[in-house]
């Protein structure tokens, strides 16, 4: 029988794409890429349609689009895959051009550091641009303001001083959680701190307990999150994931 007619298992898709089975299950739970289920066994099966959806998600992730943006874009009844691919190609070319500029700046900086070249002031910062987010700009043009505004609304409403305070609160909570990361994540002390984390996150967005648990899974599934969180203590991301899932189970 043709393997394409059978569909791919979650393990086969993980190997094919370089993602993890946990990430794929998480995408399933979020409704981003929903595989079909085998009658009887209930195993996940990925067919061409699901693989195309997954490719879209991975293209958007490469462009650093948050998952809530991606879900709104793909869930839009007017979503056009061809136009999305054309826009993704354009944005990735922009990203490539920016990286080439930065590499050229870095090459000149290395030459200067070795005493081989003296950089002009304008050369030293060629390729850097933090004045806007080009991907967000393009998201607005291609998919409408609502997709972006709904995701940014609460955070953008904060004043700069409030944002600084929020950042400090996050760091403080990471440090408090890191101090107890070797304890039981379901303990009263762990659950109290994780409840405070839940409350803090809801000042920036809207998280149900289920969404909170899925975010915890991302802390481990996405190595960028794991690296940032574990700088406060190795194993903190895993501890927070377990504590957040336990919190969701107790509060659903």
Protein backbone atom coordinates (compact mmCIF):
# COMPACT_ATOMS: atom_id res chain seq x y z
CA UNK A 1 0.00 0.00 0.00
CA UNK A 2 1.19 3.54 -0.79
CA UNK A 3 2.64 5.12 2.34
CA UNK A 4 1.04 8.45 1.38
CA UNK A 5 -2.40 6.79 1.59
CA UNK A 6 -1.59 5.46 5.04
CA UNK A 7 -0.42 8.79 6.38
CA UNK A 8 2.63 9.34 8.58
CA UNK A 9 2.87 8.58 12.27
CA UNK A 10 3.81 11.32 14.72
CA UNK A 11 7.27 9.76 15.12
CA UNK A 12 7.80 9.78 11.34
CA UNK A 13 6.75 13.44 11.09
CA UNK A 14 9.08 14.36 13.96
CA UNK A 15 12.02 12.71 12.17
CA UNK A 16 11.03 14.27 8.84
CA UNK A 17 10.81 17.83 10.16
CA UNK A 18 13.36 17.84 12.97
CA UNK A 19 10.69 18.80 15.52
CA UNK A 20 9.81 16.72 18.57
CA UNK A 21 6.74 14.58 19.14
CA UNK A 22 5.96 16.80 22.13
CA UNK A 23 5.88 19.86 19.88
CA UNK A 24 3.59 18.09 17.43
CA UNK A 25 1.23 17.06 20.22
CA UNK A 26 1.28 20.64 21.46
CA UNK A 27 0.39 21.95 17.97
CA UNK A 28 -2.45 19.43 17.94
CA UNK A 29 -3.76 20.65 21.31
CA UNK A 30 -3.59 24.27 20.15
CA UNK A 31 -5.53 23.41 16.98
CA UNK A 32 -2.66 24.50 14.72
CA UNK A 33 -1.94 21.15 13.05
CA UNK A 34 -4.61 18.58 13.83
CA UNK A 35 -3.85 15.07 12.53
CA UNK A 36 -6.48 12.47 11.77
CA UNK A 37 -6.97 9.55 14.13
CA UNK A 38 -6.87 5.86 13.26
CA UNK A 39 -10.20 4.21 13.87
CA UNK A 40 -9.76 1.84 16.78
CA UNK A 41 -6.16 2.62 17.75
CA UNK A 42 -6.69 6.41 17.96
CA UNK A 43 -3.08 6.92 16.72
CA UNK A 44 -2.33 10.24 15.06
CA UNK A 45 -1.91 10.14 11.26
CA UNK A 46 -0.57 13.03 9.19
CA UNK A 47 -1.66 13.27 5.57
CA UNK A 48 -0.73 15.80 2.88
CA UNK A 49 -3.12 18.47 4.21
CA UNK A 50 -1.70 18.30 7.72
CA UNK A 51 1.87 18.32 6.41
CA UNK A 52 1.12 21.48 4.42
CA UNK A 53 -0.34 23.08 7.54
CA UNK A 54 2.75 22.08 9.50
CA UNK A 55 5.00 23.56 6.82
CA UNK A 56 3.08 26.85 7.13
CA UNK A 57 3.53 26.86 10.90
CA UNK A 58 7.27 26.20 10.58
CA UNK A 59 7.72 28.95 7.97
CA UNK A 60 5.97 31.42 10.24
CA UNK A 61 8.00 30.24 13.24
CA UNK A 62 11.22 30.78 11.24
CA UNK A 63 10.01 34.35 10.76
CA UNK A 64 9.53 34.61 14.54
CA UNK A 65 5.75 34.95 14.40
CA UNK A 66 4.20 34.07 17.79
CA UNK A 67 1.92 31.06 17.79
CA UNK A 68 -1.18 33.12 18.58
CA UNK A 69 -0.55 35.17 15.41
CA UNK A 70 -0.11 31.99 13.40
CA UNK A 71 -3.32 30.45 14.72
CA UNK A 72 -5.32 33.56 13.81
CA UNK A 73 -3.75 33.74 10.35
CA UNK A 74 -4.36 30.07 9.52
CA UNK A 75 -7.85 30.19 11.02
CA UNK A 76 -8.89 33.17 8.92
CA UNK A 77 -11.54 32.00 6.41
CA UNK A 78 -9.86 34.22 3.78
CA UNK A 79 -6.45 32.59 4.28
CA UNK A 80 -4.78 31.92 0.93
CA UNK A 81 -1.89 29.45 1.04
CA UNK A 82 -0.31 30.63 -2.22
CA UNK A 83 -0.31 34.28 -1.12
CA UNK A 84 1.06 33.25 2.28
CA UNK A 85 3.92 31.34 0.64
CA UNK A 86 4.72 34.32 -1.59
CA UNK A 87 4.77 36.62 1.45
CA UNK A 88 6.92 34.17 3.44
CA UNK A 89 9.40 34.00 0.56
CA UNK A 90 9.58 37.81 0.49
CA UNK A 91 10.09 38.06 4.26
CA UNK A 92 12.74 35.34 4.33
CA UNK A 93 14.62 37.15 1.55
CA UNK A 94 14.50 40.31 3.70
CA UNK A 95 15.84 38.31 6.63
CA UNK A 96 18.59 36.86 4.43
CA UNK A 97 19.58 40.34 3.21
CA UNK A 98 19.71 41.68 6.76
CA UNK A 99 21.86 38.76 7.89
CA UNK A 100 24.23 39.33 4.97
CA UNK A 101 24.56 42.99 5.99
CA UNK A 102 25.25 42.03 9.60
CA UNK A 103 27.81 39.43 8.52
CA UNK A 104 29.59 42.08 6.46
CA UNK A 105 29.62 44.42 9.48
CA UNK A 106 30.95 41.61 11.66
CA UNK A 107 33.65 40.76 9.12
CA UNK A 108 34.85 44.37 9.09
CA UNK A 109 34.73 44.47 12.90
CA UNK A 110 36.92 41.36 13.06
CA UNK A 111 39.39 42.95 10.64
CA UNK A 112 39.51 46.08 12.79
CA UNK A 113 40.02 44.05 15.97
CA UNK A 114 43.00 42.34 14.29
CA UNK A 115 44.45 45.73 13.33
CA UNK A 116 43.81 45.21 9.62
CA UNK A 117 41.12 47.86 9.06
CA UNK A 118 39.71 51.06 10.57
CA UNK A 119 35.91 51.23 10.48
CA UNK A 120 33.93 54.36 9.70
CA UNK A 121 31.21 55.21 12.22
CA UNK A 122 28.40 54.38 9.80
CA UNK A 123 30.00 51.02 8.94
CA UNK A 124 30.09 50.00 12.58
CA UNK A 125 26.29 49.85 12.81
CA UNK A 126 25.37 48.79 9.29
CA UNK A 127 22.53 46.26 9.34
CA UNK A 128 21.22 47.08 12.81
CA UNK A 129 17.66 48.41 12.91
CA UNK A 130 15.53 48.22 16.05
CA UNK A 131 13.12 50.99 15.09
CA UNK A 132 10.36 48.58 14.06
CA UNK A 133 9.52 44.95 13.56
CA UNK A 134 9.36 44.31 9.78
CA UNK A 135 7.61 40.99 10.29
CA UNK A 136 4.87 42.65 12.32
CA UNK A 137 4.53 45.37 9.70
CA UNK A 138 4.11 42.74 7.01
CA UNK A 139 1.65 40.79 9.15
CA UNK A 140 -0.51 43.89 9.35
CA UNK A 141 -0.37 44.43 5.58
CA UNK A 142 -1.03 40.82 4.66
CA UNK A 143 -3.45 39.62 7.33
CA UNK A 144 -4.98 42.71 8.92
CA UNK A 145 -4.45 44.79 12.03
CA UNK A 146 -6.71 42.65 14.22
CA UNK A 147 -4.33 39.69 14.09
CA UNK A 148 -1.50 41.78 15.53
CA UNK A 149 -3.43 44.18 17.73
CA UNK A 150 -5.27 41.50 19.68
CA UNK A 151 -1.95 39.86 20.59
CA UNK A 152 -0.23 43.13 21.56
CA UNK A 153 -3.10 45.03 23.17
CA UNK A 154 -2.38 44.51 26.87
CA UNK A 155 1.40 44.83 26.68
CA UNK A 156 1.29 47.93 24.49
CA UNK A 157 -1.04 49.61 27.00
CA UNK A 158 1.70 49.57 29.62
CA UNK A 159 3.92 52.59 30.14
CA UNK A 160 7.69 52.15 29.85
CA UNK A 161 8.09 52.28 33.63
CA UNK A 162 5.44 49.58 34.03
CA UNK A 163 7.22 47.42 31.47
CA UNK A 164 10.48 47.78 33.41
CA UNK A 165 8.70 46.82 36.63
CA UNK A 166 7.10 43.87 34.88
CA UNK A 167 10.49 42.68 33.65
CA UNK A 168 11.91 42.91 37.16
CA UNK A 169 8.94 40.99 38.58
CA UNK A 170 9.48 38.23 36.01
CA UNK A 171 13.17 37.96 36.91
CA UNK A 172 12.31 37.87 40.60
CA UNK A 173 9.80 35.07 40.11
CA UNK A 174 12.23 33.07 37.99
CA UNK A 175 14.76 33.34 40.82
CA UNK A 176 12.24 32.31 43.46
CA UNK A 177 11.15 29.32 41.42
CA UNK A 178 14.77 28.38 40.70
CA UNK A 179 15.43 28.24 44.43
CA UNK A 180 12.86 25.44 44.86
CA UNK A 181 13.30 23.70 41.50
CA UNK A 182 14.54 20.48 43.14
CA UNK A 183 11.37 20.11 45.21
CA UNK A 184 7.98 18.58 44.32
CA UNK A 185 6.30 20.82 41.67
CA UNK A 186 2.89 19.89 43.11
CA UNK A 187 3.81 21.03 46.65
CA UNK A 188 1.96 23.94 48.26
CA UNK A 189 4.99 26.26 48.04
CA UNK A 190 5.58 25.46 44.36
CA UNK A 191 1.92 25.89 43.51
CA UNK A 192 1.76 29.22 45.33
CA UNK A 193 4.66 30.58 43.29
CA UNK A 194 3.29 29.17 40.05
CA UNK A 195 -0.08 30.79 40.82
CA UNK A 196 1.75 34.11 41.11
CA UNK A 197 3.38 33.38 37.73
CA UNK A 198 -0.08 32.69 36.25
CA UNK A 199 -1.36 36.00 37.65
CA UNK A 200 1.64 37.91 36.31
CA UNK A 201 1.28 36.48 32.82
CA UNK A 202 -2.36 37.49 32.77
CA UNK A 203 -1.30 41.12 33.11
CA UNK A 204 0.29 40.75 29.65
CA UNK A 205 -2.25 38.51 27.93
CA UNK A 206 -5.20 36.26 28.58
CA UNK A 207 -4.32 32.74 29.73
CA UNK A 208 -6.79 30.07 30.71
CA UNK A 209 -5.40 27.27 32.90
CA UNK A 210 -5.26 25.05 29.78
CA UNK A 211 -3.31 27.67 27.82
CA UNK A 212 -1.04 28.11 30.84
CA UNK A 213 -0.29 24.37 30.81
CA UNK A 214 0.46 24.48 27.08
CA UNK A 215 2.82 27.40 27.66
CA UNK A 216 4.61 25.31 30.29
CA UNK A 217 5.06 22.52 27.73
CA UNK A 218 6.60 25.05 25.36
CA UNK A 219 9.20 25.93 28.01
CA UNK A 220 10.65 22.45 27.46
CA UNK A 221 9.70 21.77 23.84
CA UNK A 222 11.19 25.00 22.49
CA UNK A 223 14.93 25.11 23.24
CA UNK A 224 14.99 28.90 23.02
CA UNK A 225 12.66 29.09 26.01
CA UNK A 226 14.55 26.36 27.84
CA UNK A 227 17.85 28.19 27.40
CA UNK A 228 16.46 31.52 28.62
CA UNK A 229 14.70 30.00 31.63
CA UNK A 230 17.49 27.61 32.65
CA UNK A 231 19.94 30.50 32.95
CA UNK A 232 18.32 30.99 36.38
CA UNK A 233 19.01 27.37 37.30
CA UNK A 234 19.46 24.17 35.31
CA UNK A 235 16.22 22.22 35.20
CA UNK A 236 14.01 25.23 35.96
CA UNK A 237 12.11 24.98 32.66
CA UNK A 238 11.17 21.35 33.35
CA UNK A 239 10.16 22.20 36.93
CA UNK A 240 7.96 25.09 35.77
CA UNK A 241 6.36 22.92 33.10
CA UNK A 242 5.43 20.25 35.66
CA UNK A 243 4.17 22.86 38.12
CA UNK A 244 2.12 24.67 35.47
CA UNK A 245 0.47 21.45 34.28
CA UNK A 246 -0.34 20.53 37.87
CA UNK A 247 -1.79 24.03 38.43
CA UNK A 248 -3.99 23.69 35.33
CA UNK A 249 -5.25 20.27 36.42
CA UNK A 250 -6.17 21.66 39.86
CA UNK A 251 -7.88 24.76 38.45
CA UNK A 252 -9.73 23.50 35.39
